[in-house]
Every structure is written in C-alpha cells, then in structure tokens.
Amino acid sequence: MNTKLTLRMDESLIEKGKFEADRRGKSVSQMVGDFFDSLSMSSQQAAKKLPPLTASLVGVLKGSRMNADSYKEHLREKYL
C-alpha cells in the first residue's frame, strides 16, 4: 500500500531532485523510496544490485595495505 509522505526542504534541492529523477527516468518518490530502502541494505545485498563486473570487485582489496603512495609507486614501476 502506498501512503503519501510530505517532505520539507530547500527549493533548490527539490529542483535538483526533480532534474535527477527526470534524468534517470524515475519519479522523485521512486528515488526517495530507493534511498530509504538502501539504508537498511547489508553490503552483500547492495553488491547484488551492482553490475556484475563491479559486484565481482567488491571487497577485493579488503585487508590490503594499499594506499595512494603504494599506488603511485606501482605506476612509477610500471611506466618508468
């Protein structure tokens, strides 16, 4: 059952929301509902909604010691 919800926010934010909803081919209500739904999602559930390639990469670097400096070092070794 759908129930009406009234939200109060800055007019410019409402316009941004309408523009983004139009760009995505959704209603503002759908976007707000999707957002609320995502708040209760576990990371595994969220990964299922990602494209397959992206979902396969979730958690790949978990526990690694990668940081910006190690990435820069990798690039130096690769291209110099």
Protein backbone atom coordinates (compact mmCIF):
# COMPACT_ATOMS: atom_id res chain seq x y z
CA MET A 1 0.00 0.00 0.00
CA ASN A 2 1.37 3.40 -0.96
CA THR A 3 0.99 6.23 1.53
CA LYS A 4 1.62 9.91 0.92
CA LEU A 5 4.69 11.47 2.56
CA THR A 6 5.35 15.20 2.70
CA LEU A 7 8.95 16.37 2.84
CA ARG A 8 10.08 19.92 3.50
CA MET A 9 13.40 21.01 2.03
CA ASP A 10 15.13 23.87 0.30
CA GLU A 11 13.59 24.74 -3.06
CA SER A 12 16.92 24.38 -4.90
CA LEU A 13 17.31 20.85 -3.52
CA ILE A 14 13.82 19.98 -4.73
CA GLU A 15 14.71 21.22 -8.22
CA LYS A 16 17.91 19.16 -8.20
CA GLY A 17 15.90 16.12 -7.15
CA LYS A 18 13.36 16.63 -9.92
CA PHE A 19 16.09 17.11 -12.51
CA GLU A 20 17.93 13.96 -11.38
CA ALA A 21 14.71 11.93 -11.29
CA ASP A 22 13.89 13.05 -14.83
CA ARG A 23 17.42 12.23 -15.99
CA ARG A 24 17.10 8.72 -14.55
CA GLY A 25 13.58 8.19 -15.85
CA LYS A 26 12.17 7.83 -12.34
CA SER A 27 9.84 9.78 -10.13
CA VAL A 28 11.13 11.68 -7.13
CA SER A 29 9.07 9.31 -4.97
CA GLN A 30 10.84 6.30 -6.51
CA MET A 31 14.23 7.85 -5.87
CA VAL A 32 13.40 8.67 -2.24
CA GLY A 33 11.99 5.16 -1.78
CA ASP A 34 15.14 3.62 -3.28
CA PHE A 35 17.24 5.71 -0.93
CA PHE A 36 15.25 4.66 2.14
CA ASP A 37 15.47 1.04 1.00
CA SER A 38 19.25 1.29 0.63
CA LEU A 39 19.61 2.43 4.25
CA SER A 40 18.64 -0.99 5.54
CA MET A 41 20.62 -3.00 2.96
CA SER A 42 23.59 -5.08 4.01
CA SER A 43 26.74 -4.77 1.91
CA GLN A 44 26.04 -8.17 0.32
CA GLN A 45 22.56 -7.05 -0.71
CA ALA A 46 23.97 -3.81 -2.09
CA ALA A 47 26.56 -5.73 -4.12
CA LYS A 48 23.77 -7.76 -5.73
CA LYS A 49 22.31 -4.54 -7.17
CA LEU A 50 25.63 -3.57 -8.79
CA PRO A 51 26.53 -4.51 -12.35
CA PRO A 52 28.13 -7.98 -12.42
CA LEU A 53 31.69 -6.79 -13.07
CA THR A 54 31.53 -4.17 -10.33
CA ALA A 55 29.93 -6.61 -7.89
CA SER A 56 32.73 -9.10 -8.53
CA LEU A 57 35.29 -6.50 -7.40
CA VAL A 58 33.59 -5.54 -4.12
CA GLY A 59 35.90 -6.38 -1.22
CA VAL A 60 38.87 -7.40 -3.39
CA LEU A 61 41.25 -5.09 -1.52
CA LYS A 62 39.74 -5.62 1.93
CA GLY A 63 42.54 -6.03 4.44
CA SER A 64 45.25 -4.98 1.99
CA ARG A 65 47.67 -2.23 2.78
CA MET A 66 47.06 -0.32 -0.43
CA ASN A 67 47.09 3.45 -0.22
CA ALA A 68 47.77 6.36 -2.55
CA ASP A 69 51.54 6.15 -2.07
CA SER A 70 51.72 2.45 -2.91
CA TYR A 71 49.57 3.06 -6.00
CA LYS A 72 51.87 5.86 -7.15
CA GLU A 73 54.87 3.58 -6.63
CA HIS A 74 53.16 0.89 -8.71
CA LEU A 75 52.60 3.39 -11.54
CA ARG A 76 56.24 4.53 -11.41
CA GLU A 77 57.45 0.94 -11.66
CA LYS A 78 55.03 0.16 -14.46
CA TYR A 79 55.62 3.18 -16.68
CA LEU A 80 59.20 4.30 -15.96
